[in-house]
């Protein structure tokens, strides 16, 4: 009962934000006009995009399954359920506060120490940021910075630096760990935990990087493709907008469900390369609806599968 009462404020906040979002869209735009682009989007295109999102979740589950060797072998489907639940909670709660569910579930389902699971999580999130920063800088350089003197070259340099950052961190992990040992503060503590999540061999680093790029490559290609079709923009800009939406979820101002902030992230990265318009905003909102709906439905399926597994285990 106490847990139920503790979750009521969060539920009410989500309902309030969702209600305001629905009202604002209807008042300033109109849902009928907003959803009109879906009529021109072929069903196979939509199905391929959804399949791409689900496949990216499957690759992320494989990444965790292979990165954390203490997970019992044969538990890939449990890792997939964990990813789907963690993803849904992250979307619903602000500022990635839902990440706390990852070490809790890792400890509850696989018996892995929460501090160690947190280190693994931080390392994997750094890899995610590495991919987003690399692709984002490359898309910016090729999408809209090419016409601006000097900025395109800087963007390509930023893409190269982001691409090499995991290798540099891996090479320097031992001296960094020695330097951070005994230091107080939140940032040194987070960095120390991240270092504990790093693989011990180059083969492990290559595997983590490969699966990270594969997962994000599938997801960003699917979302960038859909956004380019919905907003009538080039694929590079569509991918850049998809990156902006994902990056918005890590900000402290990220609203529950991402309502408003996701669209702002998409528009922020698209604005320099495309004139802000109703079509662009409608594309951002519809992209968010696609991501949110897919995450909620897959998260609900994972929750039902987990509940069914518990009932089965209780009968044994």
C-alpha atoms as a PDB file:
ATOM      1  CA  UNK A   1       0.000   0.000   0.000  1.00  0.00           C
ATOM      2  CA  UNK A   2       2.833   2.417   0.850  1.00  0.00           C
ATOM      3  CA  UNK A   3       4.444   1.806  -2.539  1.00  0.00           C
ATOM      4  CA  UNK A   4       1.125   2.462  -4.239  1.00  0.00           C
ATOM      5  CA  UNK A   5       0.684   5.746  -2.374  1.00  0.00           C
ATOM      6  CA  UNK A   6       4.264   6.775  -3.170  1.00  0.00           C
ATOM      7  CA  UNK A   7       3.593   6.289  -6.879  1.00  0.00           C
ATOM      8  CA  UNK A   8       0.413   8.399  -6.905  1.00  0.00           C
ATOM      9  CA  UNK A   9       2.185  11.814  -7.215  1.00  0.00           C
ATOM     10  CA  UNK A  10       4.234  10.603 -10.179  1.00  0.00           C
ATOM     11  CA  UNK A  11       1.101   9.187 -11.805  1.00  0.00           C
ATOM     12  CA  UNK A  12      -0.783  12.444 -11.277  1.00  0.00           C
ATOM     13  CA  UNK A  13       2.139  14.468 -12.644  1.00  0.00           C
ATOM     14  CA  UNK A  14       2.275  12.312 -15.773  1.00  0.00           C
ATOM     15  CA  UNK A  15      -1.478  12.669 -16.237  1.00  0.00           C
ATOM     16  CA  UNK A  16      -1.276  16.454 -15.797  1.00  0.00           C
ATOM     17  CA  UNK A  17       1.602  16.877 -18.263  1.00  0.00           C
ATOM     18  CA  UNK A  18      -0.114  14.605 -20.779  1.00  0.00           C
ATOM     19  CA  UNK A  19      -3.379  16.515 -20.397  1.00  0.00           C
ATOM     20  CA  UNK A  20      -1.664  19.863 -20.934  1.00  0.00           C
ATOM     21  CA  UNK A  21       0.185  18.501 -23.950  1.00  0.00           C
ATOM     22  CA  UNK A  22      -3.016  17.154 -25.528  1.00  0.00           C
ATOM     23  CA  UNK A  23      -4.840  20.444 -24.881  1.00  0.00           C
ATOM     24  CA  UNK A  24      -1.984  22.600 -26.224  1.00  0.00           C
ATOM     25  CA  UNK A  25      -1.740  20.583 -29.436  1.00  0.00           C
ATOM     26  CA  UNK A  26      -5.494  20.726 -30.013  1.00  0.00           C
ATOM     27  CA  UNK A  27      -5.714  24.422 -29.155  1.00  0.00           C
ATOM     28  CA  UNK A  28      -2.765  25.682 -31.205  1.00  0.00           C
ATOM     29  CA  UNK A  29      -2.667  23.131 -33.999  1.00  0.00           C
ATOM     30  CA  UNK A  30      -5.419  20.538 -33.983  1.00  0.00           C
ATOM     31  CA  UNK A  31      -4.874  16.795 -33.724  1.00  0.00           C
ATOM     32  CA  UNK A  32      -6.579  16.133 -37.047  1.00  0.00           C
ATOM     33  CA  UNK A  33      -4.170  18.410 -38.891  1.00  0.00           C
ATOM     34  CA  UNK A  34      -1.226  17.149 -36.856  1.00  0.00           C
ATOM     35  CA  UNK A  35      -1.808  13.477 -37.654  1.00  0.00           C
ATOM     36  CA  UNK A  36      -2.518  14.145 -41.336  1.00  0.00           C
ATOM     37  CA  UNK A  37       1.055  13.220 -42.459  1.00  0.00           C
ATOM     38  CA  UNK A  38       0.415   9.605 -41.421  1.00  0.00           C
ATOM     39  CA  UNK A  39      -2.118   9.325 -44.253  1.00  0.00           C
ATOM     40  CA  UNK A  40       0.664   9.794 -46.784  1.00  0.00           C
ATOM     41  CA  UNK A  41       3.011   7.329 -45.039  1.00  0.00           C
ATOM     42  CA  UNK A  42       2.747   3.829 -46.448  1.00  0.00           C
ATOM     43  CA  UNK A  43       1.983   1.054 -43.945  1.00  0.00           C
ATOM     44  CA  UNK A  44       5.111  -0.963 -44.892  1.00  0.00           C
ATOM     45  CA  UNK A  45       7.259   2.083 -44.061  1.00  0.00           C
ATOM     46  CA  UNK A  46       5.638   2.381 -40.624  1.00  0.00           C
ATOM     47  CA  UNK A  47       5.969  -1.347 -39.937  1.00  0.00           C
ATOM     48  CA  UNK A  48       9.635  -1.322 -40.949  1.00  0.00           C
ATOM     49  CA  UNK A  49      10.275   1.612 -38.594  1.00  0.00           C
ATOM     50  CA  UNK A  50       8.581  -0.171 -35.675  1.00  0.00           C
ATOM     51  CA  UNK A  51      10.485  -3.378 -36.448  1.00  0.00           C
ATOM     52  CA  UNK A  52      13.689  -1.332 -36.518  1.00  0.00           C
ATOM     53  CA  UNK A  53      12.978   0.095 -33.061  1.00  0.00           C
ATOM     54  CA  UNK A  54      12.194  -3.359 -31.642  1.00  0.00           C
ATOM     55  CA  UNK A  55      15.295  -4.846 -33.266  1.00  0.00           C
ATOM     56  CA  UNK A  56      17.438  -2.093 -31.715  1.00  0.00           C
ATOM     57  CA  UNK A  57      16.027  -3.017 -28.287  1.00  0.00           C
ATOM     58  CA  UNK A  58      16.956  -6.641 -28.975  1.00  0.00           C
ATOM     59  CA  UNK A  59      20.551  -5.667 -29.797  1.00  0.00           C
ATOM     60  CA  UNK A  60      20.764  -3.558 -26.619  1.00  0.00           C
ATOM     61  CA  UNK A  61      19.619  -6.568 -24.604  1.00  0.00           C
ATOM     62  CA  UNK A  62      22.325  -8.667 -26.258  1.00  0.00           C
ATOM     63  CA  UNK A  63      24.885  -6.000 -25.373  1.00  0.00           C
ATOM     64  CA  UNK A  64      24.018  -6.253 -21.676  1.00  0.00           C
ATOM     65  CA  UNK A  65      23.845 -10.057 -21.823  1.00  0.00           C
ATOM     66  CA  UNK A  66      27.380 -10.252 -23.246  1.00  0.00           C
ATOM     67  CA  UNK A  67      28.865  -7.322 -21.294  1.00  0.00           C
ATOM     68  CA  UNK A  68      27.882  -8.635 -17.857  1.00  0.00           C
ATOM     69  CA  UNK A  69      29.354 -12.129 -17.626  1.00  0.00           C
ATOM     70  CA  UNK A  70      27.717 -12.880 -14.261  1.00  0.00           C
ATOM     71  CA  UNK A  71      24.291 -12.976 -15.895  1.00  0.00           C
ATOM     72  CA  UNK A  72      23.454 -16.693 -16.110  1.00  0.00           C
ATOM     73  CA  UNK A  73      23.748 -18.028 -19.641  1.00  0.00           C
ATOM     74  CA  UNK A  74      20.407 -18.680 -21.289  1.00  0.00           C
ATOM     75  CA  UNK A  75      18.845 -15.555 -19.738  1.00  0.00           C
ATOM     76  CA  UNK A  76      18.811 -13.389 -22.863  1.00  0.00           C
ATOM     77  CA  UNK A  77      15.010 -13.056 -22.829  1.00  0.00           C
ATOM     78  CA  UNK A  78      15.190 -11.819 -19.227  1.00  0.00           C
ATOM     79  CA  UNK A  79      17.703  -9.178 -20.390  1.00  0.00           C
ATOM     80  CA  UNK A  80      15.292  -8.190 -23.142  1.00  0.00           C
ATOM     81  CA  UNK A  81      12.459  -7.771 -20.632  1.00  0.00           C
ATOM     82  CA  UNK A  82      14.788  -5.701 -18.443  1.00  0.00           C
ATOM     83  CA  UNK A  83      15.691  -3.416 -21.373  1.00  0.00           C
ATOM     84  CA  UNK A  84      12.054  -2.911 -22.367  1.00  0.00           C
ATOM     85  CA  UNK A  85      10.964  -2.107 -18.809  1.00  0.00           C
ATOM     86  CA  UNK A  86      13.932   0.191 -18.195  1.00  0.00           C
ATOM     87  CA  UNK A  87      13.276   2.001 -21.479  1.00  0.00           C
ATOM     88  CA  UNK A  88       9.609   2.558 -20.660  1.00  0.00           C
ATOM     89  CA  UNK A  89      10.337   3.820 -17.149  1.00  0.00           C
ATOM     90  CA  UNK A  90      12.990   6.187 -18.527  1.00  0.00           C
ATOM     91  CA  UNK A  91      10.530   7.684 -20.986  1.00  0.00           C
ATOM     92  CA  UNK A  92       7.876   8.226 -18.344  1.00  0.00           C
ATOM     93  CA  UNK A  93      10.086   9.682 -15.615  1.00  0.00           C
ATOM     94  CA  UNK A  94      12.008  12.971 -15.933  1.00  0.00           C
ATOM     95  CA  UNK A  95      15.770  13.407 -16.393  1.00  0.00           C
ATOM     96  CA  UNK A  96      16.553   9.687 -16.743  1.00  0.00           C
ATOM     97  CA  UNK A  97      15.547   9.077 -13.125  1.00  0.00           C
ATOM     98  CA  UNK A  98      14.148   5.779 -14.352  1.00  0.00           C
ATOM     99  CA  UNK A  99      17.725   4.530 -14.759  1.00  0.00           C
ATOM    100  CA  UNK A 100      17.560   3.520 -11.106  1.00  0.00           C
ATOM    101  CA  UNK A 101      15.446   0.575 -12.230  1.00  0.00           C
ATOM    102  CA  UNK A 102      18.440  -0.970 -14.040  1.00  0.00           C
ATOM    103  CA  UNK A 103      20.665  -1.847 -11.050  1.00  0.00           C
ATOM    104  CA  UNK A 104      17.568  -2.799  -9.019  1.00  0.00           C
ATOM    105  CA  UNK A 105      16.384  -5.292 -11.643  1.00  0.00           C
ATOM    106  CA  UNK A 106      19.922  -6.569 -12.270  1.00  0.00           C
ATOM    107  CA  UNK A 107      20.238  -7.332  -8.565  1.00  0.00           C
ATOM    108  CA  UNK A 108      16.749  -8.790  -8.208  1.00  0.00           C
ATOM    109  CA  UNK A 109      16.781 -10.977 -11.315  1.00  0.00           C
ATOM    110  CA  UNK A 110      20.440 -11.972 -11.607  1.00  0.00           C
ATOM    111  CA  UNK A 111      21.903 -11.345  -8.145  1.00  0.00           C
ATOM    112  CA  UNK A 112      24.451  -8.818  -9.461  1.00  0.00           C
ATOM    113  CA  UNK A 113      25.654  -6.224  -6.971  1.00  0.00           C
ATOM    114  CA  UNK A 114      23.840  -2.914  -7.532  1.00  0.00           C
ATOM    115  CA  UNK A 115      27.069  -0.862  -7.455  1.00  0.00           C
ATOM    116  CA  UNK A 116      28.636  -3.083 -10.099  1.00  0.00           C
ATOM    117  CA  UNK A 117      25.473  -2.950 -12.235  1.00  0.00           C
ATOM    118  CA  UNK A 118      25.562   0.841 -11.948  1.00  0.00           C
ATOM    119  CA  UNK A 119      29.132   0.842 -13.279  1.00  0.00           C
ATOM    120  CA  UNK A 120      28.070  -1.294 -16.231  1.00  0.00           C
ATOM    121  CA  UNK A 121      25.137   1.032 -16.879  1.00  0.00           C
ATOM    122  CA  UNK A 122      27.308   4.172 -16.820  1.00  0.00           C
ATOM    123  CA  UNK A 123      29.794   2.579 -19.239  1.00  0.00           C
ATOM    124  CA  UNK A 124      27.041   1.569 -21.648  1.00  0.00           C
ATOM    125  CA  UNK A 125      25.465   5.035 -21.464  1.00  0.00           C
ATOM    126  CA  UNK A 126      28.855   6.589 -22.244  1.00  0.00           C
ATOM    127  CA  UNK A 127      28.982   4.365 -25.313  1.00  0.00           C
ATOM    128  CA  UNK A 128      25.501   5.577 -26.264  1.00  0.00           C
ATOM    129  CA  UNK A 129      26.620   9.183 -25.907  1.00  0.00           C
ATOM    130  CA  UNK A 130      29.730   8.394 -27.977  1.00  0.00           C
ATOM    131  CA  UNK A 131      27.565   7.101 -30.846  1.00  0.00           C
ATOM    132  CA  UNK A 132      25.096   9.995 -30.678  1.00  0.00           C
ATOM    133  CA  UNK A 133      27.862  12.610 -30.535  1.00  0.00           C
ATOM    134  CA  UNK A 134      29.764  11.029 -33.422  1.00  0.00           C
ATOM    135  CA  UNK A 135      26.738  10.619 -35.694  1.00  0.00           C
ATOM    136  CA  UNK A 136      25.297  13.989 -34.658  1.00  0.00           C
ATOM    137  CA  UNK A 137      28.504  15.876 -35.451  1.00  0.00           C
ATOM    138  CA  UNK A 138      28.883  14.035 -38.763  1.00  0.00           C
ATOM    139  CA  UNK A 139      25.262  14.727 -39.749  1.00  0.00           C
ATOM    140  CA  UNK A 140      25.665  18.384 -38.779  1.00  0.00           C
ATOM    141  CA  UNK A 141      28.827  18.675 -40.870  1.00  0.00           C
ATOM    142  CA  UNK A 142      27.171  17.063 -43.869  1.00  0.00           C
ATOM    143  CA  UNK A 143      23.661  18.329 -43.296  1.00  0.00           C
ATOM    144  CA  UNK A 144      23.781  22.064 -42.652  1.00  0.00           C
ATOM    145  CA  UNK A 145      27.214  23.198 -41.488  1.00  0.00           C
ATOM    146  CA  UNK A 146      28.827  22.602 -44.878  1.00  0.00           C
ATOM    147  CA  UNK A 147      27.731  26.061 -46.018  1.00  0.00           C
ATOM    148  CA  UNK A 148      29.227  27.824 -43.016  1.00  0.00           C
ATOM    149  CA  UNK A 149      32.907  28.773 -43.205  1.00  0.00           C
ATOM    150  CA  UNK A 150      35.089  26.663 -40.979  1.00  0.00           C
ATOM    151  CA  UNK A 151      32.306  25.126 -38.918  1.00  0.00           C
ATOM    152  CA  UNK A 152      32.055  22.013 -41.047  1.00  0.00           C
ATOM    153  CA  UNK A 153      35.726  21.168 -40.392  1.00  0.00           C
ATOM    154  CA  UNK A 154      35.229  21.715 -36.664  1.00  0.00           C
ATOM    155  CA  UNK A 155      32.214  19.404 -36.716  1.00  0.00           C
ATOM    156  CA  UNK A 156      34.223  16.683 -38.436  1.00  0.00           C
ATOM    157  CA  UNK A 157      36.976  17.099 -35.817  1.00  0.00           C
ATOM    158  CA  UNK A 158      34.349  16.794 -33.079  1.00  0.00           C
ATOM    159  CA  UNK A 159      33.015  13.629 -34.736  1.00  0.00           C
ATOM    160  CA  UNK A 160      36.527  12.165 -34.825  1.00  0.00           C
ATOM    161  CA  UNK A 161      37.170  13.031 -31.170  1.00  0.00           C
ATOM    162  CA  UNK A 162      33.855  11.475 -30.116  1.00  0.00           C
ATOM    163  CA  UNK A 163      34.617   8.372 -32.177  1.00  0.00           C
ATOM    164  CA  UNK A 164      38.002   7.858 -30.484  1.00  0.00           C
ATOM    165  CA  UNK A 165      36.866   8.656 -26.918  1.00  0.00           C
ATOM    166  CA  UNK A 166      35.970   5.064 -25.827  1.00  0.00           C
ATOM    167  CA  UNK A 167      39.343   3.748 -26.995  1.00  0.00           C
ATOM    168  CA  UNK A 168      41.140   6.572 -25.164  1.00  0.00           C
ATOM    169  CA  UNK A 169      39.163   5.886 -21.980  1.00  0.00           C
ATOM    170  CA  UNK A 170      39.941   2.175 -22.239  1.00  0.00           C
ATOM    171  CA  UNK A 171      43.683   2.767 -22.695  1.00  0.00           C
ATOM    172  CA  UNK A 172      43.827   5.218 -19.762  1.00  0.00           C
ATOM    173  CA  UNK A 173      41.502   3.276 -17.433  1.00  0.00           C
ATOM    174  CA  UNK A 174      44.200   2.131 -14.998  1.00  0.00           C
ATOM    175  CA  UNK A 175      45.930   5.511 -14.440  1.00  0.00           C
ATOM    176  CA  UNK A 176      42.494   7.175 -14.227  1.00  0.00           C
ATOM    177  CA  UNK A 177      41.340   4.658 -11.626  1.00  0.00           C
ATOM    178  CA  UNK A 178      44.498   5.266  -9.574  1.00  0.00           C
ATOM    179  CA  UNK A 179      44.016   9.033  -9.766  1.00  0.00           C
ATOM    180  CA  UNK A 180      40.341   8.857  -8.765  1.00  0.00           C
ATOM    181  CA  UNK A 181      40.938   6.444  -5.887  1.00  0.00           C
ATOM    182  CA  UNK A 182      40.075   8.031  -2.545  1.00  0.00           C
ATOM    183  CA  UNK A 183      38.643  11.218  -4.054  1.00  0.00           C
ATOM    184  CA  UNK A 184      35.351  12.487  -2.711  1.00  0.00           C
ATOM    185  CA  UNK A 185      32.566  14.040  -4.731  1.00  0.00           C
ATOM    186  CA  UNK A 186      29.815  12.953  -7.069  1.00  0.00           C
ATOM    187  CA  UNK A 187      31.743  13.264 -10.330  1.00  0.00           C
ATOM    188  CA  UNK A 188      34.816  11.251  -9.185  1.00  0.00           C
ATOM    189  CA  UNK A 189      32.445   8.626  -7.788  1.00  0.00           C
ATOM    190  CA  UNK A 190      30.548   8.363 -11.088  1.00  0.00           C
ATOM    191  CA  UNK A 191      33.779   8.163 -13.068  1.00  0.00           C
ATOM    192  CA  UNK A 192      35.142   5.470 -10.761  1.00  0.00           C
ATOM    193  CA  UNK A 193      31.978   3.429 -11.202  1.00  0.00           C
ATOM    194  CA  UNK A 194      32.130   3.887 -14.964  1.00  0.00           C
ATOM    195  CA  UNK A 195      35.697   2.548 -14.981  1.00  0.00           C
ATOM    196  CA  UNK A 196      34.556  -0.578 -13.107  1.00  0.00           C
ATOM    197  CA  UNK A 197      32.093  -1.236 -15.933  1.00  0.00           C
ATOM    198  CA  UNK A 198      34.772  -1.187 -18.660  1.00  0.00           C
ATOM    199  CA  UNK A 199      35.709  -4.500 -20.287  1.00  0.00           C
ATOM    200  CA  UNK A 200      39.077  -5.989 -19.362  1.00  0.00           C
ATOM    201  CA  UNK A 201      40.212  -6.867 -22.888  1.00  0.00           C
ATOM    202  CA  UNK A 202      40.251  -5.236 -26.307  1.00  0.00           C
ATOM    203  CA  UNK A 203      37.944  -7.981 -27.587  1.00  0.00           C
ATOM    204  CA  UNK A 204      35.335  -6.937 -25.007  1.00  0.00           C
ATOM    205  CA  UNK A 205      35.722  -3.288 -26.010  1.00  0.00           C
ATOM    206  CA  UNK A 206      35.296  -4.190 -29.688  1.00  0.00           C
ATOM    207  CA  UNK A 207      32.170  -6.200 -28.885  1.00  0.00           C
ATOM    208  CA  UNK A 208      30.616  -3.398 -26.813  1.00  0.00           C
ATOM    209  CA  UNK A 209      31.372  -0.838 -29.513  1.00  0.00           C
ATOM    210  CA  UNK A 210      30.057  -3.053 -32.305  1.00  0.00           C
ATOM    211  CA  UNK A 211      26.755  -3.741 -30.560  1.00  0.00           C
ATOM    212  CA  UNK A 212      26.366  -0.075 -29.586  1.00  0.00           C
ATOM    213  CA  UNK A 213      26.830   1.076 -33.158  1.00  0.00           C
ATOM    214  CA  UNK A 214      24.587  -1.665 -34.494  1.00  0.00           C
ATOM    215  CA  UNK A 215      21.787  -0.812 -32.053  1.00  0.00           C
ATOM    216  CA  UNK A 216      21.918   2.923 -32.636  1.00  0.00           C
ATOM    217  CA  UNK A 217      22.494   2.513 -36.359  1.00  0.00           C
ATOM    218  CA  UNK A 218      19.255   0.557 -36.662  1.00  0.00           C
ATOM    219  CA  UNK A 219      17.292   2.949 -34.441  1.00  0.00           C
ATOM    220  CA  UNK A 220      18.540   6.223 -35.938  1.00  0.00           C
ATOM    221  CA  UNK A 221      18.153   4.952 -39.492  1.00  0.00           C
ATOM    222  CA  UNK A 222      14.554   3.964 -38.784  1.00  0.00           C
ATOM    223  CA  UNK A 223      13.622   7.175 -36.949  1.00  0.00           C
ATOM    224  CA  UNK A 224      15.543   9.430 -39.345  1.00  0.00           C
ATOM    225  CA  UNK A 225      13.811   7.764 -42.275  1.00  0.00           C
ATOM    226  CA  UNK A 226      10.365   8.255 -40.766  1.00  0.00           C
ATOM    227  CA  UNK A 227      11.052  11.883 -39.790  1.00  0.00           C
ATOM    228  CA  UNK A 228      12.392  12.667 -43.264  1.00  0.00           C
ATOM    229  CA  UNK A 229       9.182  11.281 -44.773  1.00  0.00           C
ATOM    230  CA  UNK A 230       6.897  13.052 -42.310  1.00  0.00           C
ATOM    231  CA  UNK A 231       8.624  16.451 -42.516  1.00  0.00           C
ATOM    232  CA  UNK A 232       9.868  16.315 -46.127  1.00  0.00           C
ATOM    233  CA  UNK A 233      13.531  16.814 -45.217  1.00  0.00           C
ATOM    234  CA  UNK A 234      16.756  14.985 -46.234  1.00  0.00           C
ATOM    235  CA  UNK A 235      17.704  11.775 -44.451  1.00  0.00           C
ATOM    236  CA  UNK A 236      20.755  13.400 -42.804  1.00  0.00           C
ATOM    237  CA  UNK A 237      18.558  16.075 -41.223  1.00  0.00           C
ATOM    238  CA  UNK A 238      15.993  13.452 -40.228  1.00  0.00           C
ATOM    239  CA  UNK A 239      18.711  11.488 -38.418  1.00  0.00           C
ATOM    240  CA  UNK A 240      19.947  14.675 -36.749  1.00  0.00           C
ATOM    241  CA  UNK A 241      16.415  15.433 -35.533  1.00  0.00           C
ATOM    242  CA  UNK A 242      16.086  11.900 -34.146  1.00  0.00           C
ATOM    243  CA  UNK A 243      19.342  12.413 -32.236  1.00  0.00           C
ATOM    244  CA  UNK A 244      17.984  15.676 -30.806  1.00  0.00           C
ATOM    245  CA  UNK A 245      14.900  13.887 -29.534  1.00  0.00           C
ATOM    246  CA  UNK A 246      16.976  11.197 -27.827  1.00  0.00           C
ATOM    247  CA  UNK A 247      19.402  13.710 -26.320  1.00  0.00           C
ATOM    248  CA  UNK A 248      16.488  15.672 -24.812  1.00  0.00           C
ATOM    249  CA  UNK A 249      15.687  12.750 -22.534  1.00  0.00           C
ATOM    250  CA  UNK A 250      18.931  13.181 -20.564  1.00  0.00           C
ATOM    251  CA  UNK A 251      18.323  16.838 -19.689  1.00  0.00           C
ATOM    252  CA  UNK A 252      17.230  17.886 -16.174  1.00  0.00           C
ATOM    253  CA  UNK A 253      14.273  19.704 -17.759  1.00  0.00           C
ATOM    254  CA  UNK A 254      13.068  16.547 -19.488  1.00  0.00           C
ATOM    255  CA  UNK A 255       9.321  16.392 -18.863  1.00  0.00           C
ATOM    256  CA  UNK A 256       7.520  13.196 -17.837  1.00  0.00           C
ATOM    257  CA  UNK A 257       6.900  11.247 -21.014  1.00  0.00           C
ATOM    258  CA  UNK A 258       9.080  13.766 -22.831  1.00  0.00           C
ATOM    259  CA  UNK A 259       5.978  15.723 -23.825  1.00  0.00           C
ATOM    260  CA  UNK A 260       7.214  19.004 -25.252  1.00  0.00           C
ATOM    261  CA  UNK A 261      10.892  18.496 -24.468  1.00  0.00           C
ATOM    262  CA  UNK A 262      11.314  15.682 -27.012  1.00  0.00           C
ATOM    263  CA  UNK A 263       9.863  17.899 -29.737  1.00  0.00           C
ATOM    264  CA  UNK A 264      12.070  20.782 -28.583  1.00  0.00           C
ATOM    265  CA  UNK A 265      15.150  18.554 -28.904  1.00  0.00           C
ATOM    266  CA  UNK A 266      14.193  17.546 -32.439  1.00  0.00           C
ATOM    267  CA  UNK A 267      13.520  21.145 -33.475  1.00  0.00           C
ATOM    268  CA  UNK A 268      16.706  22.456 -31.835  1.00  0.00           C
ATOM    269  CA  UNK A 269      18.978  20.313 -33.996  1.00  0.00           C
ATOM    270  CA  UNK A 270      16.885  20.808 -37.124  1.00  0.00           C
ATOM    271  CA  UNK A 271      16.480  24.587 -36.836  1.00  0.00           C
ATOM    272  CA  UNK A 272      19.873  25.594 -38.346  1.00  0.00           C
ATOM    273  CA  UNK A 273      19.352  23.363 -41.386  1.00  0.00           C
ATOM    274  CA  UNK A 274      15.613  23.666 -42.001  1.00  0.00           C
ATOM    275  CA  UNK A 275      13.257  26.590 -41.678  1.00  0.00           C
ATOM    276  CA  UNK A 276      10.992  26.037 -38.631  1.00  0.00           C
ATOM    277  CA  UNK A 277       7.474  25.364 -39.856  1.00  0.00           C
ATOM    278  CA  UNK A 278       4.266  23.646 -38.920  1.00  0.00           C
ATOM    279  CA  UNK A 279       5.271  20.667 -41.039  1.00  0.00           C
ATOM    280  CA  UNK A 280       8.539  20.327 -39.154  1.00  0.00           C
ATOM    281  CA  UNK A 281       6.822  20.573 -35.768  1.00  0.00           C
ATOM    282  CA  UNK A 282       4.177  18.067 -36.816  1.00  0.00           C
ATOM    283  CA  UNK A 283       6.942  15.673 -37.864  1.00  0.00           C
ATOM    284  CA  UNK A 284       8.635  16.046 -34.465  1.00  0.00           C
ATOM    285  CA  UNK A 285       5.390  15.376 -32.570  1.00  0.00           C
ATOM    286  CA  UNK A 286       4.511  12.375 -34.719  1.00  0.00           C
ATOM    287  CA  UNK A 287       8.004  10.943 -34.342  1.00  0.00           C
ATOM    288  CA  UNK A 288       7.631  11.260 -30.565  1.00  0.00           C
ATOM    289  CA  UNK A 289       4.240   9.530 -30.691  1.00  0.00           C
ATOM    290  CA  UNK A 290       5.786   6.658 -32.642  1.00  0.00           C
ATOM    291  CA  UNK A 291       8.678   6.247 -30.178  1.00  0.00           C
ATOM    292  CA  UNK A 292       6.447   6.560 -27.121  1.00  0.00           C
ATOM    293  CA  UNK A 293       3.759   4.194 -28.390  1.00  0.00           C
ATOM    294  CA  UNK A 294       6.304   1.543 -29.365  1.00  0.00           C
ATOM    295  CA  UNK A 295       8.064   1.834 -26.003  1.00  0.00           C
ATOM    296  CA  UNK A 296       4.852   1.690 -23.981  1.00  0.00           C
ATOM    297  CA  UNK A 297       3.460  -1.312 -25.848  1.00  0.00           C
ATOM    298  CA  UNK A 298       6.750  -3.228 -25.703  1.00  0.00           C
ATOM    299  CA  UNK A 299       7.164  -2.294 -22.017  1.00  0.00           C
ATOM    300  CA  UNK A 300       3.639  -3.517 -21.269  1.00  0.00           C
ATOM    301  CA  UNK A 301       4.416  -6.779 -23.076  1.00  0.00           C
ATOM    302  CA  UNK A 302       7.592  -7.181 -20.999  1.00  0.00           C
ATOM    303  CA  UNK A 303       5.670  -6.502 -17.780  1.00  0.00           C
ATOM    304  CA  UNK A 304       3.015  -9.084 -18.686  1.00  0.00           C
ATOM    305  CA  UNK A 305       5.706 -11.622 -19.581  1.00  0.00           C
ATOM    306  CA  UNK A 306       7.455 -10.987 -16.247  1.00  0.00           C
ATOM    307  CA  UNK A 307       4.194 -11.387 -14.336  1.00  0.00           C
ATOM    308  CA  UNK A 308       3.441 -14.626 -16.186  1.00  0.00           C
ATOM    309  CA  UNK A 309       6.943 -15.904 -15.392  1.00  0.00           C
ATOM    310  CA  UNK A 310       6.429 -15.167 -11.693  1.00  0.00           C
ATOM    311  CA  UNK A 311       3.127 -17.074 -11.653  1.00  0.00           C
ATOM    312  CA  UNK A 312       4.777 -20.019 -13.392  1.00  0.00           C
ATOM    313  CA  UNK A 313       7.682 -20.067 -10.929  1.00  0.00           C
ATOM    314  CA  UNK A 314       5.257 -19.860  -7.997  1.00  0.00           C
ATOM    315  CA  UNK A 315       3.509 -23.020  -9.160  1.00  0.00           C
ATOM    316  CA  UNK A 316       6.750 -25.019  -9.372  1.00  0.00           C
END
